[in-house]
């Protein structure tokens, strides 16, 4: 086998591993945000929406106290995404920002997104240890 062919195999294998790691981290990060969302009716948790290539606009009427429907959407959209696709998790309910930044919830005094962005490195390290990279 030629050096060029070896490089091609290495590139393909590395790209695949990086994509699997990206997907694992997206699922872990987005799921953590969803599960850290305070629940009364399940409306706020249910309004987390996953976008591929661009953020989702608008709201949905999904009540999701457990977060399982929103997490299933994360998994489905992540599986459908390509290796170079940007992934977005959005919640367009008017009070989501207030809960994230203004302390409207005693259940999430440090927000939902901010606290998990801080954990990003740990989530990445976990994915690497799990053999995704």
N, C-alpha and C. Protein backbone atom coordinates (compact mmCIF):
# COMPACT_ATOMS: atom_id res chain seq x y z
N UNK A 1 0.84 -1.18 0.00
CA UNK A 1 0.00 0.00 0.00
C UNK A 1 0.89 1.24 0.00
N UNK A 2 0.49 2.25 -0.70
CA UNK A 2 1.29 3.46 -0.83
C UNK A 2 1.08 4.38 0.37
N UNK A 3 2.00 5.30 0.53
CA UNK A 3 1.92 6.29 1.60
C UNK A 3 0.65 7.12 1.44
N UNK A 4 0.31 7.47 0.22
CA UNK A 4 -0.89 8.25 -0.05
C UNK A 4 -2.15 7.48 0.36
N UNK A 5 -2.19 6.22 0.08
CA UNK A 5 -3.33 5.39 0.47
C UNK A 5 -3.42 5.26 1.98
N UNK A 6 -2.25 5.12 2.63
CA UNK A 6 -2.23 5.05 4.10
C UNK A 6 -2.77 6.35 4.71
N UNK A 7 -2.37 7.48 4.14
CA UNK A 7 -2.87 8.76 4.63
C UNK A 7 -4.38 8.88 4.44
N UNK A 8 -4.86 8.39 3.32
CA UNK A 8 -6.30 8.42 3.05
C UNK A 8 -7.07 7.59 4.07
N UNK A 9 -6.57 6.41 4.40
CA UNK A 9 -7.21 5.55 5.40
C UNK A 9 -7.20 6.22 6.77
N UNK A 10 -6.03 6.80 7.11
CA UNK A 10 -5.91 7.49 8.40
C UNK A 10 -6.90 8.65 8.48
N UNK A 11 -6.99 9.42 7.41
CA UNK A 11 -7.91 10.56 7.38
C UNK A 11 -9.36 10.11 7.56
N UNK A 12 -9.74 9.07 6.85
CA UNK A 12 -11.10 8.56 6.92
C UNK A 12 -11.43 8.05 8.32
N UNK A 13 -10.52 7.29 8.88
CA UNK A 13 -10.72 6.73 10.22
C UNK A 13 -10.79 7.83 11.27
N UNK A 14 -9.92 8.82 11.17
CA UNK A 14 -9.90 9.92 12.13
C UNK A 14 -11.15 10.78 12.01
N UNK A 15 -11.58 11.05 10.80
CA UNK A 15 -12.80 11.83 10.58
C UNK A 15 -14.00 11.12 11.19
N UNK A 16 -14.07 9.83 11.01
CA UNK A 16 -15.17 9.05 11.57
C UNK A 16 -15.15 9.10 13.10
N UNK A 17 -13.99 8.94 13.69
CA UNK A 17 -13.87 8.99 15.15
C UNK A 17 -14.23 10.37 15.69
N UNK A 18 -13.77 11.41 15.01
CA UNK A 18 -14.12 12.77 15.44
C UNK A 18 -15.62 13.02 15.36
N UNK A 19 -16.25 12.52 14.32
CA UNK A 19 -17.69 12.71 14.18
C UNK A 19 -18.44 11.95 15.27
N UNK A 20 -18.02 10.74 15.58
CA UNK A 20 -18.67 9.98 16.65
C UNK A 20 -18.51 10.69 17.99
N UNK A 21 -17.34 11.27 18.22
CA UNK A 21 -17.12 12.02 19.46
C UNK A 21 -17.98 13.27 19.49
N UNK A 22 -18.05 13.99 18.37
CA UNK A 22 -18.89 15.19 18.29
C UNK A 22 -20.33 14.84 18.62
N UNK A 23 -20.83 13.79 18.02
CA UNK A 23 -22.22 13.38 18.26
C UNK A 23 -22.44 13.02 19.73
N UNK A 24 -21.52 12.27 20.31
CA UNK A 24 -21.66 11.87 21.72
C UNK A 24 -21.67 13.09 22.64
N UNK A 25 -20.79 14.04 22.37
CA UNK A 25 -20.72 15.24 23.21
C UNK A 25 -21.98 16.09 23.04
N UNK A 26 -22.46 16.24 21.83
CA UNK A 26 -23.70 17.00 21.60
C UNK A 26 -24.85 16.38 22.38
N UNK A 27 -24.98 15.08 22.30
CA UNK A 27 -26.07 14.40 23.01
C UNK A 27 -25.92 14.58 24.51
N UNK A 28 -24.72 14.40 25.03
CA UNK A 28 -24.49 14.57 26.47
C UNK A 28 -24.77 16.01 26.92
N UNK A 29 -24.24 16.97 26.20
CA UNK A 29 -24.40 18.37 26.58
C UNK A 29 -25.85 18.80 26.49
N UNK A 30 -26.49 18.56 25.37
CA UNK A 30 -27.88 18.98 25.19
C UNK A 30 -28.80 18.26 26.18
N UNK A 31 -28.56 16.98 26.42
CA UNK A 31 -29.38 16.23 27.38
C UNK A 31 -29.23 16.80 28.78
N UNK A 32 -28.01 17.16 29.15
CA UNK A 32 -27.77 17.73 30.48
C UNK A 32 -28.52 19.06 30.65
N UNK A 33 -28.51 19.89 29.61
CA UNK A 33 -29.24 21.17 29.67
C UNK A 33 -30.72 20.88 29.85
N UNK A 34 -31.26 19.96 29.09
CA UNK A 34 -32.68 19.62 29.18
C UNK A 34 -33.02 19.12 30.58
N UNK A 35 -32.22 18.22 31.11
CA UNK A 35 -32.50 17.64 32.42
C UNK A 35 -32.29 18.64 33.56
N UNK A 36 -31.49 19.66 33.35
CA UNK A 36 -31.28 20.70 34.36
C UNK A 36 -32.33 21.80 34.30
N UNK A 37 -33.26 21.69 33.37
CA UNK A 37 -34.33 22.67 33.22
C UNK A 37 -35.40 22.41 34.28
N UNK A 38 -35.74 23.43 35.07
CA UNK A 38 -36.75 23.23 36.11
C UNK A 38 -38.11 22.88 35.51
N UNK A 39 -38.87 22.09 36.27
CA UNK A 39 -40.15 21.58 35.76
C UNK A 39 -41.30 21.98 36.67
N UNK A 40 -42.29 22.61 36.09
CA UNK A 40 -43.59 22.78 36.73
C UNK A 40 -44.60 22.01 35.89
N UNK A 41 -44.90 22.53 34.72
CA UNK A 41 -45.85 21.86 33.83
C UNK A 41 -45.15 20.96 32.81
N UNK A 42 -43.85 21.16 32.61
CA UNK A 42 -43.10 20.45 31.58
C UNK A 42 -43.01 21.25 30.28
N UNK A 43 -43.61 22.43 30.27
CA UNK A 43 -43.59 23.25 29.05
C UNK A 43 -42.18 23.76 28.73
N UNK A 44 -41.48 24.27 29.74
CA UNK A 44 -40.12 24.79 29.50
C UNK A 44 -39.19 23.67 29.04
N UNK A 45 -39.23 22.55 29.72
CA UNK A 45 -38.37 21.43 29.34
C UNK A 45 -38.76 20.91 27.96
N UNK A 46 -40.03 20.88 27.66
CA UNK A 46 -40.51 20.39 26.38
C UNK A 46 -40.22 21.30 25.20
N UNK A 47 -39.87 22.56 25.48
CA UNK A 47 -39.62 23.51 24.40
C UNK A 47 -38.16 23.57 23.97
N UNK A 48 -37.32 22.71 24.52
CA UNK A 48 -35.97 22.62 23.99
C UNK A 48 -36.06 21.96 22.62
N UNK A 49 -35.53 22.62 21.62
CA UNK A 49 -35.58 22.13 20.24
C UNK A 49 -34.18 22.07 19.65
N UNK A 50 -33.94 21.03 18.90
CA UNK A 50 -32.62 20.80 18.31
C UNK A 50 -32.64 21.17 16.84
N UNK A 51 -31.70 22.01 16.45
CA UNK A 51 -31.58 22.41 15.06
C UNK A 51 -30.24 21.96 14.49
N UNK A 52 -30.26 21.59 13.23
CA UNK A 52 -29.05 21.24 12.50
C UNK A 52 -28.81 22.35 11.48
N UNK A 53 -27.64 22.93 11.51
CA UNK A 53 -27.20 24.00 10.61
C UNK A 53 -27.77 25.37 10.99
N UNK A 54 -28.91 25.43 11.65
CA UNK A 54 -29.47 26.71 12.09
C UNK A 54 -30.39 26.47 13.29
N UNK A 55 -30.53 27.49 14.12
CA UNK A 55 -31.42 27.34 15.28
C UNK A 55 -32.88 27.23 14.85
N UNK A 56 -33.64 26.53 15.65
CA UNK A 56 -35.07 26.41 15.41
C UNK A 56 -35.75 27.68 15.93
N UNK A 57 -36.69 28.19 15.17
CA UNK A 57 -37.44 29.37 15.57
C UNK A 57 -38.81 28.95 16.07
N UNK A 58 -39.39 29.76 16.94
CA UNK A 58 -40.73 29.47 17.43
C UNK A 58 -40.73 28.52 18.61
N UNK A 59 -41.94 28.21 19.07
CA UNK A 59 -42.12 27.32 20.20
C UNK A 59 -42.98 26.13 19.78
N UNK A 60 -42.99 25.12 20.63
CA UNK A 60 -43.84 23.95 20.41
C UNK A 60 -44.73 23.78 21.64
N UNK A 61 -45.81 23.09 21.48
CA UNK A 61 -46.74 22.88 22.58
C UNK A 61 -46.44 21.63 23.39
N UNK A 62 -45.22 21.15 23.30
CA UNK A 62 -44.84 19.89 23.95
C UNK A 62 -44.68 20.08 25.46
N UNK A 63 -45.41 19.27 26.22
CA UNK A 63 -45.22 19.20 27.67
C UNK A 63 -44.39 17.94 27.91
N UNK A 64 -43.25 18.12 28.53
CA UNK A 64 -42.29 17.01 28.64
C UNK A 64 -41.62 17.06 30.00
N UNK A 65 -42.33 16.66 31.03
CA UNK A 65 -41.79 16.73 32.40
C UNK A 65 -40.51 15.92 32.56
N UNK A 66 -40.43 14.78 31.91
CA UNK A 66 -39.25 13.92 32.07
C UNK A 66 -38.09 14.38 31.19
N UNK A 67 -38.39 15.10 30.13
CA UNK A 67 -37.35 15.50 29.17
C UNK A 67 -37.09 14.45 28.11
N UNK A 68 -37.76 13.31 28.18
CA UNK A 68 -37.46 12.21 27.26
C UNK A 68 -37.79 12.54 25.80
N UNK A 69 -38.86 13.30 25.58
CA UNK A 69 -39.19 13.66 24.19
C UNK A 69 -38.17 14.63 23.60
N UNK A 70 -37.77 15.61 24.40
CA UNK A 70 -36.76 16.58 23.92
C UNK A 70 -35.42 15.89 23.69
N UNK A 71 -35.06 14.96 24.56
CA UNK A 71 -33.80 14.22 24.40
C UNK A 71 -33.87 13.30 23.19
N UNK A 72 -35.02 12.69 22.95
CA UNK A 72 -35.18 11.85 21.76
C UNK A 72 -35.00 12.69 20.50
N UNK A 73 -35.48 13.93 20.52
CA UNK A 73 -35.28 14.83 19.37
C UNK A 73 -33.80 15.14 19.18
N UNK A 74 -33.08 15.38 20.29
CA UNK A 74 -31.63 15.62 20.22
C UNK A 74 -30.95 14.43 19.54
N UNK A 75 -31.28 13.24 19.98
CA UNK A 75 -30.65 12.03 19.43
C UNK A 75 -30.97 11.87 17.94
N UNK A 76 -32.22 12.08 17.58
CA UNK A 76 -32.63 11.94 16.18
C UNK A 76 -31.94 12.97 15.29
N UNK A 77 -31.93 14.22 15.71
CA UNK A 77 -31.31 15.28 14.91
C UNK A 77 -29.80 15.11 14.83
N UNK A 78 -29.20 14.69 15.92
CA UNK A 78 -27.75 14.48 15.93
C UNK A 78 -27.37 13.34 14.99
N UNK A 79 -28.15 12.28 15.00
CA UNK A 79 -27.88 11.15 14.09
C UNK A 79 -28.01 11.57 12.63
N UNK A 80 -28.92 12.51 12.36
CA UNK A 80 -29.14 12.96 10.97
C UNK A 80 -28.14 14.02 10.53
N UNK A 81 -27.36 14.53 11.46
CA UNK A 81 -26.43 15.61 11.11
C UNK A 81 -25.18 15.07 10.45
N UNK A 82 -24.53 15.93 9.69
CA UNK A 82 -23.27 15.58 9.05
C UNK A 82 -22.10 16.00 9.91
N UNK A 83 -20.92 15.52 9.61
CA UNK A 83 -19.74 15.81 10.44
C UNK A 83 -19.38 17.29 10.53
N UNK A 84 -19.78 18.09 9.56
CA UNK A 84 -19.45 19.51 9.59
C UNK A 84 -20.63 20.39 9.98
N UNK A 85 -21.75 19.77 10.34
CA UNK A 85 -22.95 20.54 10.67
C UNK A 85 -22.88 21.12 12.08
N UNK A 86 -23.25 22.38 12.18
CA UNK A 86 -23.40 23.00 13.50
C UNK A 86 -24.70 22.51 14.11
N UNK A 87 -24.70 22.32 15.42
CA UNK A 87 -25.89 21.87 16.13
C UNK A 87 -26.32 22.97 17.10
N UNK A 88 -27.63 23.17 17.20
CA UNK A 88 -28.18 24.22 18.05
C UNK A 88 -29.24 23.65 18.97
N UNK A 89 -29.22 24.07 20.22
CA UNK A 89 -30.28 23.76 21.16
C UNK A 89 -30.91 25.08 21.54
N UNK A 90 -32.19 25.26 21.25
CA UNK A 90 -32.85 26.53 21.52
C UNK A 90 -34.13 26.30 22.32
N UNK A 91 -34.44 27.31 23.11
CA UNK A 91 -35.70 27.34 23.83
C UNK A 91 -36.23 28.75 23.67
N UNK A 92 -37.28 28.90 22.91
CA UNK A 92 -37.78 30.22 22.55
C UNK A 92 -38.94 30.70 23.42
N UNK A 93 -39.20 30.02 24.53
CA UNK A 93 -40.22 30.53 25.43
C UNK A 93 -39.73 31.83 26.04
N UNK A 94 -40.60 32.82 26.20
CA UNK A 94 -40.16 34.12 26.69
C UNK A 94 -39.49 34.07 28.07
N UNK A 95 -39.91 33.15 28.91
CA UNK A 95 -39.35 33.12 30.26
C UNK A 95 -38.09 32.25 30.38
N UNK A 96 -37.67 31.59 29.33
CA UNK A 96 -36.46 30.77 29.38
C UNK A 96 -35.23 31.63 29.70
N UNK A 97 -35.14 32.78 29.08
CA UNK A 97 -34.01 33.70 29.33
C UNK A 97 -34.01 34.18 30.77
N UNK A 98 -35.19 34.46 31.29
CA UNK A 98 -35.28 34.94 32.67
C UNK A 98 -34.82 33.87 33.65
N UNK A 99 -35.18 32.64 33.39
CA UNK A 99 -34.74 31.55 34.26
C UNK A 99 -33.23 31.35 34.13
N UNK A 100 -32.72 31.45 32.92
CA UNK A 100 -31.28 31.26 32.70
C UNK A 100 -30.45 32.36 33.35
N UNK A 101 -30.86 33.62 33.20
CA UNK A 101 -30.00 34.74 33.60
C UNK A 101 -30.49 35.58 34.78
N UNK A 102 -31.77 35.50 35.10
CA UNK A 102 -32.29 36.43 36.10
C UNK A 102 -32.73 35.76 37.40
N UNK A 103 -32.42 34.48 37.55
CA UNK A 103 -32.72 33.80 38.81
C UNK A 103 -34.19 33.60 39.10
N UNK A 104 -35.00 33.46 38.07
CA UNK A 104 -36.44 33.27 38.27
C UNK A 104 -36.78 31.92 38.87
N UNK A 105 -35.86 30.99 38.90
CA UNK A 105 -36.14 29.67 39.43
C UNK A 105 -35.14 29.31 40.52
N UNK A 106 -35.67 28.95 41.68
CA UNK A 106 -34.80 28.48 42.76
C UNK A 106 -34.23 27.10 42.43
N UNK A 107 -34.89 26.38 41.52
CA UNK A 107 -34.40 25.06 41.10
C UNK A 107 -33.21 25.16 40.15
N UNK A 108 -33.05 26.29 39.49
CA UNK A 108 -31.94 26.48 38.54
C UNK A 108 -31.30 27.85 38.76
N UNK A 109 -30.76 28.10 39.96
CA UNK A 109 -30.19 29.42 40.23
C UNK A 109 -28.98 29.77 39.35
N UNK A 110 -28.30 28.75 38.85
CA UNK A 110 -27.13 28.97 37.97
C UNK A 110 -27.48 28.76 36.52
N UNK A 111 -28.76 28.77 36.21
CA UNK A 111 -29.20 28.57 34.83
C UNK A 111 -29.20 27.11 34.43
N UNK A 112 -29.46 26.90 33.18
CA UNK A 112 -29.52 25.55 32.63
C UNK A 112 -28.38 25.35 31.63
N UNK A 113 -28.17 26.37 30.82
CA UNK A 113 -27.14 26.29 29.78
C UNK A 113 -25.77 26.61 30.37
N UNK A 114 -25.69 27.72 31.10
CA UNK A 114 -24.38 28.16 31.62
C UNK A 114 -23.69 27.10 32.45
N UNK A 115 -24.43 26.44 33.32
CA UNK A 115 -23.81 25.45 34.20
C UNK A 115 -23.28 24.25 33.41
N UNK A 116 -23.91 23.94 32.28
CA UNK A 116 -23.46 22.81 31.49
C UNK A 116 -22.36 23.17 30.51
N UNK A 117 -22.31 24.40 30.08
CA UNK A 117 -21.18 24.84 29.26
C UNK A 117 -19.89 24.74 30.07
N UNK A 118 -19.98 25.04 31.35
CA UNK A 118 -18.82 24.91 32.23
C UNK A 118 -18.36 23.45 32.29
N UNK A 119 -19.29 22.52 32.19
CA UNK A 119 -18.98 21.09 32.25
C UNK A 119 -18.53 20.52 30.90
N UNK A 120 -18.47 21.34 29.87
CA UNK A 120 -18.18 20.85 28.52
C UNK A 120 -16.91 20.03 28.47
N UNK A 121 -15.85 20.49 29.06
CA UNK A 121 -14.57 19.78 29.00
C UNK A 121 -14.70 18.38 29.61
N UNK A 122 -15.42 18.28 30.71
CA UNK A 122 -15.62 16.98 31.33
C UNK A 122 -16.42 16.05 30.41
N UNK A 123 -17.43 16.59 29.76
CA UNK A 123 -18.23 15.79 28.83
C UNK A 123 -17.37 15.30 27.66
N UNK A 124 -16.51 16.17 27.17
CA UNK A 124 -15.61 15.79 26.08
C UNK A 124 -14.65 14.70 26.55
N UNK A 125 -14.08 14.87 27.73
CA UNK A 125 -13.16 13.86 28.26
C UNK A 125 -13.87 12.51 28.43
N UNK A 126 -15.12 12.53 28.89
CA UNK A 126 -15.89 11.29 29.05
C UNK A 126 -16.08 10.60 27.70
N UNK A 127 -16.41 11.38 26.68
CA UNK A 127 -16.62 10.79 25.35
C UNK A 127 -15.34 10.16 24.83
N UNK A 128 -14.22 10.81 25.06
CA UNK A 128 -12.93 10.28 24.62
C UNK A 128 -12.63 8.98 25.37
N UNK A 129 -12.86 8.97 26.69
CA UNK A 129 -12.62 7.76 27.48
C UNK A 129 -13.53 6.60 27.05
N UNK A 130 -14.74 6.93 26.62
CA UNK A 130 -15.68 5.90 26.19
C UNK A 130 -15.32 5.32 24.83
N UNK A 131 -14.20 5.78 24.28
CA UNK A 131 -13.71 5.20 23.04
C UNK A 131 -14.26 5.81 21.77
N UNK A 132 -14.84 6.99 21.89
CA UNK A 132 -15.37 7.64 20.69
C UNK A 132 -14.26 8.27 19.87
N UNK A 133 -13.12 8.53 20.48
CA UNK A 133 -12.01 9.16 19.76
C UNK A 133 -10.73 8.40 20.03
